[in-house]
Amino acid sequence: MQHTRDTSGVVEVDGEIYEWSVRRQPRPAGGGVWEGIALTLRLKDFKREAIVQFPMPMRPNGWPDLEKQRINVDAVKNAVSSAIEAGWNPTSRGRAMVFDVDAEGR
């Protein structure tokens, strides 16, 4: 399992290079609800984006982990595959598609 504190990078999935970048760090959404980290995914040299939203990491005591999050590179690879399976076509045109994934990117 690889982790990085970088805010952008690349991953290879099925022989294709995908670029990712941090769109949003965890933040409160109001009413005691928290939003987790969100990443933007894009196939290299194409413009269509997918936004994947991970759940808020919680500490063992039940409170949200408010520290700057490290990116799990394996979860990013899983998120790319999951977004494609859910209907994201990275070579098409159009608005960014938003996907909610679990902590492992599925």
PDB file of N, CA and C in Angstrom:
ATOM      1  N   MET A   1       0.844  -1.171   0.000  1.00  0.00           N
ATOM      2  CA  MET A   1       0.000   0.000   0.000  1.00  0.00           C
ATOM      3  C   MET A   1       0.889   1.234   0.000  1.00  0.00           C
ATOM      4  N   GLN A   2       0.771   2.046  -1.017  1.00  0.00           N
ATOM      5  CA  GLN A   2       1.562   3.272  -1.121  1.00  0.00           C
ATOM      6  C   GLN A   2       0.725   4.463  -0.677  1.00  0.00           C
ATOM      7  N   HIS A   3       1.337   5.353   0.076  1.00  0.00           N
ATOM      8  CA  HIS A   3       0.703   6.609   0.474  1.00  0.00           C
ATOM      9  C   HIS A   3       1.613   7.749   0.053  1.00  0.00           C
ATOM     10  N   THR A   4       0.999   8.881  -0.255  1.00  0.00           N
ATOM     11  CA  THR A   4       1.769  10.061  -0.611  1.00  0.00           C
ATOM     12  C   THR A   4       1.073  11.295  -0.051  1.00  0.00           C
ATOM     13  N   ARG A   5       1.848  12.309   0.233  1.00  0.00           N
ATOM     14  CA  ARG A   5       1.284  13.600   0.657  1.00  0.00           C
ATOM     15  C   ARG A   5       1.222  14.581  -0.512  1.00  0.00           C
ATOM     16  N   ASP A   6       1.611  14.120  -1.703  1.00  0.00           N
ATOM     17  CA  ASP A   6       1.536  14.974  -2.888  1.00  0.00           C
ATOM     18  C   ASP A   6       0.082  15.339  -3.171  1.00  0.00           C
ATOM     19  N   THR A   7      -0.131  16.494  -3.782  1.00  0.00           N
ATOM     20  CA  THR A   7      -1.497  16.918  -4.111  1.00  0.00           C
ATOM     21  C   THR A   7      -1.880  16.563  -5.541  1.00  0.00           C
ATOM     22  N   SER A   8      -0.967  15.943  -6.269  1.00  0.00           N
ATOM     23  CA  SER A   8      -1.280  15.481  -7.627  1.00  0.00           C
ATOM     24  C   SER A   8      -0.280  14.392  -8.000  1.00  0.00           C
ATOM     25  N   GLY A   9      -0.647  13.637  -9.028  1.00  0.00           N
ATOM     26  CA  GLY A   9       0.231  12.573  -9.473  1.00  0.00           C
ATOM     27  C   GLY A   9      -0.386  11.816 -10.630  1.00  0.00           C
ATOM     28  N   VAL A  10       0.213  10.701 -10.969  1.00  0.00           N
ATOM     29  CA  VAL A  10      -0.297   9.862 -12.044  1.00  0.00           C
ATOM     30  C   VAL A  10      -0.345   8.412 -11.563  1.00  0.00           C
ATOM     31  N   VAL A  11      -1.296   7.658 -12.118  1.00  0.00           N
ATOM     32  CA  VAL A  11      -1.392   6.222 -11.876  1.00  0.00           C
ATOM     33  C   VAL A  11      -1.617   5.539 -13.210  1.00  0.00           C
ATOM     34  N   GLU A  12      -1.205   4.290 -13.300  1.00  0.00           N
ATOM     35  CA  GLU A  12      -1.420   3.512 -14.517  1.00  0.00           C
ATOM     36  C   GLU A  12      -2.469   2.452 -14.230  1.00  0.00           C
ATOM     37  N   VAL A  13      -3.527   2.440 -15.049  1.00  0.00           N
ATOM     38  CA  VAL A  13      -4.605   1.465 -14.925  1.00  0.00           C
ATOM     39  C   VAL A  13      -4.859   0.878 -16.301  1.00  0.00           C
ATOM     40  N   ASP A  14      -4.719  -0.422 -16.421  1.00  0.00           N
ATOM     41  CA  ASP A  14      -4.947  -1.130 -17.695  1.00  0.00           C
ATOM     42  C   ASP A  14      -4.126  -0.541 -18.843  1.00  0.00           C
ATOM     43  N   GLY A  15      -2.892  -0.153 -18.560  1.00  0.00           N
ATOM     44  CA  GLY A  15      -2.002   0.357 -19.590  1.00  0.00           C
ATOM     45  C   GLY A  15      -2.210   1.816 -19.956  1.00  0.00           C
ATOM     46  N   GLU A  16      -3.166   2.481 -19.339  1.00  0.00           N
ATOM     47  CA  GLU A  16      -3.439   3.907 -19.598  1.00  0.00           C
ATOM     48  C   GLU A  16      -2.942   4.730 -18.411  1.00  0.00           C
ATOM     49  N   ILE A  17      -2.480   5.947 -18.691  1.00  0.00           N
ATOM     50  CA  ILE A  17      -1.990   6.849 -17.653  1.00  0.00           C
ATOM     51  C   ILE A  17      -3.108   7.826 -17.282  1.00  0.00           C
ATOM     52  N   TYR A  18      -3.450   7.864 -16.003  1.00  0.00           N
ATOM     53  CA  TYR A  18      -4.467   8.777 -15.483  1.00  0.00           C
ATOM     54  C   TYR A  18      -3.804   9.765 -14.538  1.00  0.00           C
ATOM     55  N   GLU A  19      -4.181  11.024 -14.669  1.00  0.00           N
ATOM     56  CA  GLU A  19      -3.675  12.068 -13.783  1.00  0.00           C
ATOM     57  C   GLU A  19      -4.708  12.300 -12.690  1.00  0.00           C
ATOM     58  N   TRP A  20      -4.254  12.494 -11.461  1.00  0.00           N
ATOM     59  CA  TRP A  20      -5.160  12.794 -10.367  1.00  0.00           C
ATOM     60  C   TRP A  20      -4.657  14.025  -9.627  1.00  0.00           C
ATOM     61  N   SER A  21      -5.569  14.736  -8.998  1.00  0.00           N
ATOM     62  CA  SER A  21      -5.198  15.873  -8.160  1.00  0.00           C
ATOM     63  C   SER A  21      -6.246  16.023  -7.057  1.00  0.00           C
ATOM     64  N   VAL A  22      -5.809  16.583  -5.940  1.00  0.00           N
ATOM     65  CA  VAL A  22      -6.718  16.804  -4.813  1.00  0.00           C
ATOM     66  C   VAL A  22      -7.617  17.981  -5.158  1.00  0.00           C
ATOM     67  N   ARG A  23      -8.910  17.754  -5.105  1.00  0.00           N
ATOM     68  CA  ARG A  23      -9.883  18.813  -5.358  1.00  0.00           C
ATOM     69  C   ARG A  23     -10.300  19.477  -4.052  1.00  0.00           C
ATOM     70  N   ARG A  24     -10.405  18.656  -2.988  1.00  0.00           N
ATOM     71  CA  ARG A  24     -10.868  19.183  -1.706  1.00  0.00           C
ATOM     72  C   ARG A  24     -10.355  18.296  -0.580  1.00  0.00           C
ATOM     73  N   GLN A  25      -9.844  18.912   0.469  1.00  0.00           N
ATOM     74  CA  GLN A  25      -9.491  18.197   1.692  1.00  0.00           C
ATOM     75  C   GLN A  25     -10.788  18.007   2.503  1.00  0.00           C
ATOM     76  N   PRO A  26     -10.797  17.119   3.489  1.00  0.00           N
ATOM     77  CA  PRO A  26     -12.003  16.934   4.304  1.00  0.00           C
ATOM     78  C   PRO A  26     -12.481  18.246   4.908  1.00  0.00           C
ATOM     79  N   ARG A  27     -13.823  18.362   5.008  1.00  0.00           N
ATOM     80  CA  ARG A  27     -14.399  19.600   5.538  1.00  0.00           C
ATOM     81  C   ARG A  27     -15.773  19.309   6.144  1.00  0.00           C
ATOM     82  N   PRO A  28     -16.240  20.188   7.041  1.00  0.00           N
ATOM     83  CA  PRO A  28     -17.583  20.002   7.604  1.00  0.00           C
ATOM     84  C   PRO A  28     -18.635  20.381   6.561  1.00  0.00           C
ATOM     85  N   ALA A  29     -19.712  19.611   6.528  1.00  0.00           N
ATOM     86  CA  ALA A  29     -20.806  19.891   5.595  1.00  0.00           C
ATOM     87  C   ALA A  29     -22.012  20.475   6.327  1.00  0.00           C
ATOM     88  N   GLY A  30     -21.906  20.633   7.620  1.00  0.00           N
ATOM     89  CA  GLY A  30     -22.998  21.190   8.408  1.00  0.00           C
ATOM     90  C   GLY A  30     -23.809  20.101   9.084  1.00  0.00           C
ATOM     91  N   GLY A  31     -24.381  20.442  10.224  1.00  0.00           N
ATOM     92  CA  GLY A  31     -25.210  19.496  10.942  1.00  0.00           C
ATOM     93  C   GLY A  31     -24.454  18.301  11.490  1.00  0.00           C
ATOM     94  N   GLY A  32     -23.177  18.465  11.773  1.00  0.00           N
ATOM     95  CA  GLY A  32     -22.377  17.372  12.310  1.00  0.00           C
ATOM     96  C   GLY A  32     -21.932  16.365  11.269  1.00  0.00           C
ATOM     97  N   VAL A  33     -22.160  16.670   9.991  1.00  0.00           N
ATOM     98  CA  VAL A  33     -21.766  15.777   8.906  1.00  0.00           C
ATOM     99  C   VAL A  33     -20.462  16.301   8.299  1.00  0.00           C
ATOM    100  N   TRP A  34     -19.592  15.377   7.916  1.00  0.00           N
ATOM    101  CA  TRP A  34     -18.310  15.734   7.315  1.00  0.00           C
ATOM    102  C   TRP A  34     -18.194  15.130   5.932  1.00  0.00           C
ATOM    103  N   GLU A  35     -17.563  15.865   5.031  1.00  0.00           N
ATOM    104  CA  GLU A  35     -17.245  15.354   3.697  1.00  0.00           C
ATOM    105  C   GLU A  35     -15.776  14.965   3.685  1.00  0.00           C
ATOM    106  N   GLY A  36     -15.468  13.843   3.063  1.00  0.00           N
ATOM    107  CA  GLY A  36     -14.094  13.379   2.978  1.00  0.00           C
ATOM    108  C   GLY A  36     -13.355  14.051   1.830  1.00  0.00           C
ATOM    109  N   ILE A  37     -12.166  13.566   1.578  1.00  0.00           N
ATOM    110  CA  ILE A  37     -11.324  14.115   0.519  1.00  0.00           C
ATOM    111  C   ILE A  37     -11.938  13.802  -0.848  1.00  0.00           C
ATOM    112  N   ALA A  38     -11.774  14.709  -1.784  1.00  0.00           N
ATOM    113  CA  ALA A  38     -12.260  14.509  -3.151  1.00  0.00           C
ATOM    114  C   ALA A  38     -11.080  14.673  -4.109  1.00  0.00           C
ATOM    115  N   LEU A  39     -11.010  13.775  -5.083  1.00  0.00           N
ATOM    116  CA  LEU A  39      -9.950  13.806  -6.087  1.00  0.00           C
ATOM    117  C   LEU A  39     -10.549  13.988  -7.472  1.00  0.00           C
ATOM    118  N   THR A  40      -9.806  14.658  -8.334  1.00  0.00           N
ATOM    119  CA  THR A  40     -10.167  14.788  -9.735  1.00  0.00           C
ATOM    120  C   THR A  40      -9.312  13.815 -10.537  1.00  0.00           C
ATOM    121  N   LEU A  41      -9.954  13.029 -11.396  1.00  0.00           N
ATOM    122  CA  LEU A  41      -9.260  12.063 -12.249  1.00  0.00           C
ATOM    123  C   LEU A  41      -9.422  12.482 -13.701  1.00  0.00           C
ATOM    124  N   ARG A  42      -8.385  12.249 -14.493  1.00  0.00           N
ATOM    125  CA  ARG A  42      -8.430  12.606 -15.910  1.00  0.00           C
ATOM    126  C   ARG A  42      -7.461  11.714 -16.665  1.00  0.00           C
ATOM    127  N   LEU A  43      -7.906  11.198 -17.818  1.00  0.00           N
ATOM    128  CA  LEU A  43      -7.020  10.432 -18.685  1.00  0.00           C
ATOM    129  C   LEU A  43      -6.028  11.410 -19.300  1.00  0.00           C
ATOM    130  N   LYS A  44      -4.761  11.048 -19.313  1.00  0.00           N
ATOM    131  CA  LYS A  44      -3.718  11.945 -19.827  1.00  0.00           C
ATOM    132  C   LYS A  44      -4.066  12.383 -21.251  1.00  0.00           C
ATOM    133  N   ASP A  45      -3.950  13.668 -21.506  1.00  0.00           N
ATOM    134  CA  ASP A  45      -4.203  14.316 -22.791  1.00  0.00           C
ATOM    135  C   ASP A  45      -5.683  14.409 -23.151  1.00  0.00           C
ATOM    136  N   PHE A  46      -6.585  14.141 -22.207  1.00  0.00           N
ATOM    137  CA  PHE A  46      -8.023  14.326 -22.424  1.00  0.00           C
ATOM    138  C   PHE A  46      -8.559  15.253 -21.347  1.00  0.00           C
ATOM    139  N   LYS A  47      -9.726  15.850 -21.595  1.00  0.00           N
ATOM    140  CA  LYS A  47     -10.257  16.855 -20.681  1.00  0.00           C
ATOM    141  C   LYS A  47     -11.374  16.359 -19.777  1.00  0.00           C
ATOM    142  N   ARG A  48     -12.053  15.276 -20.118  1.00  0.00           N
ATOM    143  CA  ARG A  48     -13.196  14.813 -19.322  1.00  0.00           C
ATOM    144  C   ARG A  48     -12.719  14.353 -17.954  1.00  0.00           C
ATOM    145  N   GLU A  49     -13.345  14.892 -16.917  1.00  0.00           N
ATOM    146  CA  GLU A  49     -12.920  14.597 -15.557  1.00  0.00           C
ATOM    147  C   GLU A  49     -13.954  13.752 -14.817  1.00  0.00           C
ATOM    148  N   ALA A  50     -13.464  13.046 -13.841  1.00  0.00           N
ATOM    149  CA  ALA A  50     -14.308  12.355 -12.872  1.00  0.00           C
ATOM    150  C   ALA A  50     -13.877  12.853 -11.496  1.00  0.00           C
ATOM    151  N   ILE A  51     -14.839  13.133 -10.658  1.00  0.00           N
ATOM    152  CA  ILE A  51     -14.561  13.549  -9.292  1.00  0.00           C
ATOM    153  C   ILE A  51     -14.961  12.393  -8.394  1.00  0.00           C
ATOM    154  N   VAL A  52     -14.013  11.879  -7.644  1.00  0.00           N
ATOM    155  CA  VAL A  52     -14.304  10.784  -6.716  1.00  0.00           C
ATOM    156  C   VAL A  52     -14.213  11.316  -5.292  1.00  0.00           C
ATOM    157  N   GLN A  53     -15.257  11.026  -4.528  1.00  0.00           N
ATOM    158  CA  GLN A  53     -15.343  11.501  -3.153  1.00  0.00           C
ATOM    159  C   GLN A  53     -15.195  10.316  -2.205  1.00  0.00           C
ATOM    160  N   PHE A  54     -14.193  10.386  -1.356  1.00  0.00           N
ATOM    161  CA  PHE A  54     -13.943   9.356  -0.367  1.00  0.00           C
ATOM    162  C   PHE A  54     -14.657   9.717   0.935  1.00  0.00           C
ATOM    163  N   PRO A  55     -14.989   8.731   1.761  1.00  0.00           N
ATOM    164  CA  PRO A  55     -15.640   9.050   3.040  1.00  0.00           C
ATOM    165  C   PRO A  55     -14.664   9.713   4.003  1.00  0.00           C
ATOM    166  N   MET A  56     -15.220  10.412   4.963  1.00  0.00           N
ATOM    167  CA  MET A  56     -14.419  11.081   5.983  1.00  0.00           C
ATOM    168  C   MET A  56     -13.740  10.033   6.863  1.00  0.00           C
ATOM    169  N   PRO A  57     -12.405  10.091   6.993  1.00  0.00           N
ATOM    170  CA  PRO A  57     -11.732   9.141   7.893  1.00  0.00           C
ATOM    171  C   PRO A  57     -12.041   9.506   9.345  1.00  0.00           C
ATOM    172  N   MET A  58     -12.379   8.496  10.117  1.00  0.00           N
ATOM    173  CA  MET A  58     -12.725   8.714  11.522  1.00  0.00           C
ATOM    174  C   MET A  58     -11.652   8.102  12.413  1.00  0.00           C
ATOM    175  N   ARG A  59     -11.427   8.732  13.536  1.00  0.00           N
ATOM    176  CA  ARG A  59     -10.496   8.200  14.539  1.00  0.00           C
ATOM    177  C   ARG A  59     -11.208   7.122  15.353  1.00  0.00           C
ATOM    178  N   PRO A  60     -10.454   6.308  16.079  1.00  0.00           N
ATOM    179  CA  PRO A  60     -11.086   5.253  16.881  1.00  0.00           C
ATOM    180  C   PRO A  60     -12.090   5.762  17.921  1.00  0.00           C
ATOM    181  N   ASN A  61     -11.927   7.012  18.372  1.00  0.00           N
ATOM    182  CA  ASN A  61     -12.848   7.551  19.372  1.00  0.00           C
ATOM    183  C   ASN A  61     -14.130   8.115  18.741  1.00  0.00           C
ATOM    184  N   GLY A  62     -14.264   8.021  17.410  1.00  0.00           N
ATOM    185  CA  GLY A  62     -15.483   8.470  16.743  1.00  0.00           C
ATOM    186  C   GLY A  62     -15.435   9.884  16.197  1.00  0.00           C
ATOM    187  N   TRP A  63     -14.369  10.606  16.461  1.00  0.00           N
ATOM    188  CA  TRP A  63     -14.231  11.966  15.956  1.00  0.00           C
ATOM    189  C   TRP A  63     -13.566  11.945  14.581  1.00  0.00           C
ATOM    190  N   PRO A  64     -13.861  12.916  13.732  1.00  0.00           N
ATOM    191  CA  PRO A  64     -13.214  12.961  12.412  1.00  0.00           C
ATOM    192  C   PRO A  64     -11.722  13.235  12.527  1.00  0.00           C
ATOM    193  N   ASP A  65     -10.960  12.646  11.611  1.00  0.00           N
ATOM    194  CA  ASP A  65      -9.519  12.872  11.539  1.00  0.00           C
ATOM    195  C   ASP A  65      -9.296  14.138  10.720  1.00  0.00           C
ATOM    196  N   LEU A  66      -8.974  15.241  11.388  1.00  0.00           N
ATOM    197  CA  LEU A  66      -8.898  16.543  10.738  1.00  0.00           C
ATOM    198  C   LEU A  66      -7.529  16.872  10.155  1.00  0.00           C
ATOM    199  N   GLU A  67      -6.576  15.967  10.289  1.00  0.00           N
ATOM    200  CA  GLU A  67      -5.251  16.226   9.738  1.00  0.00           C
ATOM    201  C   GLU A  67      -5.293  16.164   8.213  1.00  0.00           C
ATOM    202  N   LYS A  68      -4.319  16.828   7.584  1.00  0.00           N
ATOM    203  CA  LYS A  68      -4.211  16.744   6.129  1.00  0.00           C
ATOM    204  C   LYS A  68      -4.036  15.281   5.743  1.00  0.00           C
ATOM    205  N   GLN A  69      -4.846  14.832   4.810  1.00  0.00           N
ATOM    206  CA  GLN A  69      -4.888  13.414   4.485  1.00  0.00           C
ATOM    207  C   GLN A  69      -3.794  13.008   3.504  1.00  0.00           C
ATOM    208  N   ARG A  70      -3.260  11.818   3.725  1.00  0.00           N
ATOM    209  CA  ARG A  70      -2.340  11.208   2.773  1.00  0.00           C
ATOM    210  C   ARG A  70      -3.177  10.483   1.729  1.00  0.00           C
ATOM    211  N   ILE A  71      -2.684  10.451   0.514  1.00  0.00           N
ATOM    212  CA  ILE A  71      -3.407   9.808  -0.582  1.00  0.00           C
ATOM    213  C   ILE A  71      -2.916   8.370  -0.717  1.00  0.00           C
ATOM    214  N   ASN A  72      -3.845   7.438  -0.701  1.00  0.00           N
ATOM    215  CA  ASN A  72      -3.540   6.033  -0.918  1.00  0.00           C
ATOM    216  C   ASN A  72      -3.557   5.796  -2.428  1.00  0.00           C
ATOM    217  N   VAL A  73      -2.395   5.567  -3.014  1.00  0.00           N
ATOM    218  CA  VAL A  73      -2.274   5.431  -4.470  1.00  0.00           C
ATOM    219  C   VAL A  73      -3.054   4.214  -4.971  1.00  0.00           C
ATOM    220  N   ASP A  74      -3.084   3.139  -4.202  1.00  0.00           N
ATOM    221  CA  ASP A  74      -3.856   1.957  -4.608  1.00  0.00           C
ATOM    222  C   ASP A  74      -5.357   2.270  -4.648  1.00  0.00           C
ATOM    223  N   ALA A  75      -5.842   3.089  -3.705  1.00  0.00           N
ATOM    224  CA  ALA A  75      -7.248   3.486  -3.704  1.00  0.00           C
ATOM    225  C   ALA A  75      -7.559   4.356  -4.919  1.00  0.00           C
ATOM    226  N   VAL A  76      -6.610   5.165  -5.368  1.00  0.00           N
ATOM    227  CA  VAL A  76      -6.813   5.986  -6.565  1.00  0.00           C
ATOM    228  C   VAL A  76      -6.961   5.069  -7.790  1.00  0.00           C
ATOM    229  N   LYS A  77      -6.124   4.046  -7.881  1.00  0.00           N
ATOM    230  CA  LYS A  77      -6.238   3.090  -8.990  1.00  0.00           C
ATOM    231  C   LYS A  77      -7.595   2.398  -8.970  1.00  0.00           C
ATOM    232  N   ASN A  78      -8.032   1.977  -7.784  1.00  0.00           N
ATOM    233  CA  ASN A  78      -9.348   1.346  -7.661  1.00  0.00           C
ATOM    234  C   ASN A  78     -10.463   2.314  -8.037  1.00  0.00           C
ATOM    235  N   ALA A  79     -10.300   3.591  -7.671  1.00  0.00           N
ATOM    236  CA  ALA A  79     -11.320   4.594  -7.986  1.00  0.00           C
ATOM    237  C   ALA A  79     -11.433   4.812  -9.492  1.00  0.00           C
ATOM    238  N   VAL A  80     -10.312   4.790 -10.203  1.00  0.00           N
ATOM    239  CA  VAL A  80     -10.348   4.927 -11.665  1.00  0.00           C
ATOM    240  C   VAL A  80     -11.145   3.773 -12.259  1.00  0.00           C
ATOM    241  N   SER A  81     -10.842   2.561 -11.847  1.00  0.00           N
ATOM    242  CA  SER A  81     -11.554   1.387 -12.357  1.00  0.00           C
ATOM    243  C   SER A  81     -13.037   1.442 -12.009  1.00  0.00           C
ATOM    244  N   SER A  82     -13.354   1.850 -10.787  1.00  0.00           N
ATOM    245  CA  SER A  82     -14.749   1.930 -10.359  1.00  0.00           C
ATOM    246  C   SER A  82     -15.521   2.975 -11.147  1.00  0.00           C
ATOM    247  N   ALA A  83     -14.893   4.125 -11.407  1.00  0.00           N
ATOM    248  CA  ALA A  83     -15.567   5.180 -12.174  1.00  0.00           C
ATOM    249  C   ALA A  83     -15.843   4.718 -13.599  1.00  0.00           C
ATOM    250  N   ILE A  84     -14.904   4.017 -14.207  1.00  0.00           N
ATOM    251  CA  ILE A  84     -15.104   3.508 -15.564  1.00  0.00           C
ATOM    252  C   ILE A  84     -16.227   2.471 -15.575  1.00  0.00           C
ATOM    253  N   GLU A  85     -16.249   1.583 -14.582  1.00  0.00           N
ATOM    254  CA  GLU A  85     -17.309   0.584 -14.488  1.00  0.00           C
ATOM    255  C   GLU A  85     -18.678   1.230 -14.276  1.00  0.00           C
ATOM    256  N   ALA A  86     -18.698   2.382 -13.603  1.00  0.00           N
ATOM    257  CA  ALA A  86     -19.952   3.074 -13.318  1.00  0.00           C
ATOM    258  C   ALA A  86     -20.420   3.947 -14.479  1.00  0.00           C
ATOM    259  N   GLY A  87     -19.657   3.992 -15.576  1.00  0.00           N
ATOM    260  CA  GLY A  87     -20.127   4.716 -16.748  1.00  0.00           C
ATOM    261  C   GLY A  87     -19.312   5.912 -17.178  1.00  0.00           C
ATOM    262  N   TRP A  88     -18.212   6.202 -16.510  1.00  0.00           N
ATOM    263  CA  TRP A  88     -17.376   7.337 -16.914  1.00  0.00           C
ATOM    264  C   TRP A  88     -16.569   6.941 -18.148  1.00  0.00           C
ATOM    265  N   ASN A  89     -16.688   7.738 -19.197  1.00  0.00           N
ATOM    266  CA  ASN A  89     -15.903   7.531 -20.411  1.00  0.00           C
ATOM    267  C   ASN A  89     -14.899   8.673 -20.487  1.00  0.00           C
ATOM    268  N   PRO A  90     -13.642   8.433 -20.126  1.00  0.00           N
ATOM    269  CA  PRO A  90     -12.665   9.520 -20.046  1.00  0.00           C
ATOM    270  C   PRO A  90     -12.311  10.150 -21.388  1.00  0.00           C
ATOM    271  N   THR A  91     -12.665   9.511 -22.502  1.00  0.00           N
ATOM    272  CA  THR A  91     -12.328  10.077 -23.812  1.00  0.00           C
ATOM    273  C   THR A  91     -13.485  10.868 -24.404  1.00  0.00           C
ATOM    274  N   SER A  92     -14.623  10.897 -23.720  1.00  0.00           N
ATOM    275  CA  SER A  92     -15.772  11.638 -24.249  1.00  0.00           C
ATOM    276  C   SER A  92     -15.720  13.096 -23.801  1.00  0.00           C
ATOM    277  N   ARG A  93     -16.679  13.857 -24.250  1.00  0.00           N
ATOM    278  CA  ARG A  93     -16.777  15.263 -23.854  1.00  0.00           C
ATOM    279  C   ARG A  93     -17.922  15.409 -22.878  1.00  0.00           C
ATOM    280  N   GLY A  94     -17.913  16.494 -22.124  1.00  0.00           N
ATOM    281  CA  GLY A  94     -19.017  16.759 -21.211  1.00  0.00           C
ATOM    282  C   GLY A  94     -18.530  17.180 -19.842  1.00  0.00           C
ATOM    283  N   ARG A  95     -19.513  17.341 -18.959  1.00  0.00           N
ATOM    284  CA  ARG A  95     -19.223  17.757 -17.594  1.00  0.00           C
ATOM    285  C   ARG A  95     -18.509  16.662 -16.821  1.00  0.00           C
ATOM    286  N   ALA A  96     -17.900  17.101 -15.758  1.00  0.00           N
ATOM    287  CA  ALA A  96     -17.259  16.134 -14.850  1.00  0.00           C
ATOM    288  C   ALA A  96     -18.344  15.298 -14.188  1.00  0.00           C
ATOM    289  N   MET A  97     -18.072  14.022 -14.021  1.00  0.00           N
ATOM    290  CA  MET A  97     -18.999  13.124 -13.346  1.00  0.00           C
ATOM    291  C   MET A  97     -18.521  12.928 -11.912  1.00  0.00           C
ATOM    292  N   VAL A  98     -19.462  12.835 -10.979  1.00  0.00           N
ATOM    293  CA  VAL A  98     -19.134  12.718  -9.556  1.00  0.00           C
ATOM    294  C   VAL A  98     -19.480  11.301  -9.085  1.00  0.00           C
ATOM    295  N   PHE A  99     -18.546  10.676  -8.385  1.00  0.00           N
ATOM    296  CA  PHE A  99     -18.728   9.329  -7.872  1.00  0.00           C
ATOM    297  C   PHE A  99     -18.350   9.287  -6.390  1.00  0.00           C
ATOM    298  N   ASP A 100     -19.157   8.618  -5.585  1.00  0.00           N
ATOM    299  CA  ASP A 100     -18.820   8.360  -4.196  1.00  0.00           C
ATOM    300  C   ASP A 100     -18.228   6.963  -4.111  1.00  0.00           C
ATOM    301  N   VAL A 101     -17.085   6.843  -3.488  1.00  0.00           N
ATOM    302  CA  VAL A 101     -16.418   5.554  -3.338  1.00  0.00           C
ATOM    303  C   VAL A 101     -16.158   5.308  -1.853  1.00  0.00           C
ATOM    304  N   ASP A 102     -15.807   4.063  -1.527  1.00  0.00           N
ATOM    305  CA  ASP A 102     -15.447   3.760  -0.145  1.00  0.00           C
ATOM    306  C   ASP A 102     -13.968   4.092   0.076  1.00  0.00           C
ATOM    307  N   ALA A 103     -13.474   3.794   1.255  1.00  0.00           N
ATOM    308  CA  ALA A 103     -12.093   4.142   1.598  1.00  0.00           C
ATOM    309  C   ALA A 103     -11.074   3.446   0.725  1.00  0.00           C
ATOM    310  N   GLU A 104     -11.459   2.312   0.099  1.00  0.00           N
ATOM    311  CA  GLU A 104     -10.547   1.584  -0.780  1.00  0.00           C
ATOM    312  C   GLU A 104     -10.715   1.976  -2.240  1.00  0.00           C
ATOM    313  N   GLY A 105     -11.600   2.916  -2.537  1.00  0.00           N
ATOM    314  CA  GLY A 105     -11.787   3.372  -3.905  1.00  0.00           C
ATOM    315  C   GLY A 105     -12.768   2.557  -4.707  1.00  0.00           C
ATOM    316  N   ARG A 106     -13.547   1.718  -4.076  1.00  0.00           N
ATOM    317  CA  ARG A 106     -14.508   0.867  -4.801  1.00  0.00           C
ATOM    318  C   ARG A 106     -15.906   1.413  -4.708  1.00  0.00           C
TER     319      ARG A 106
END
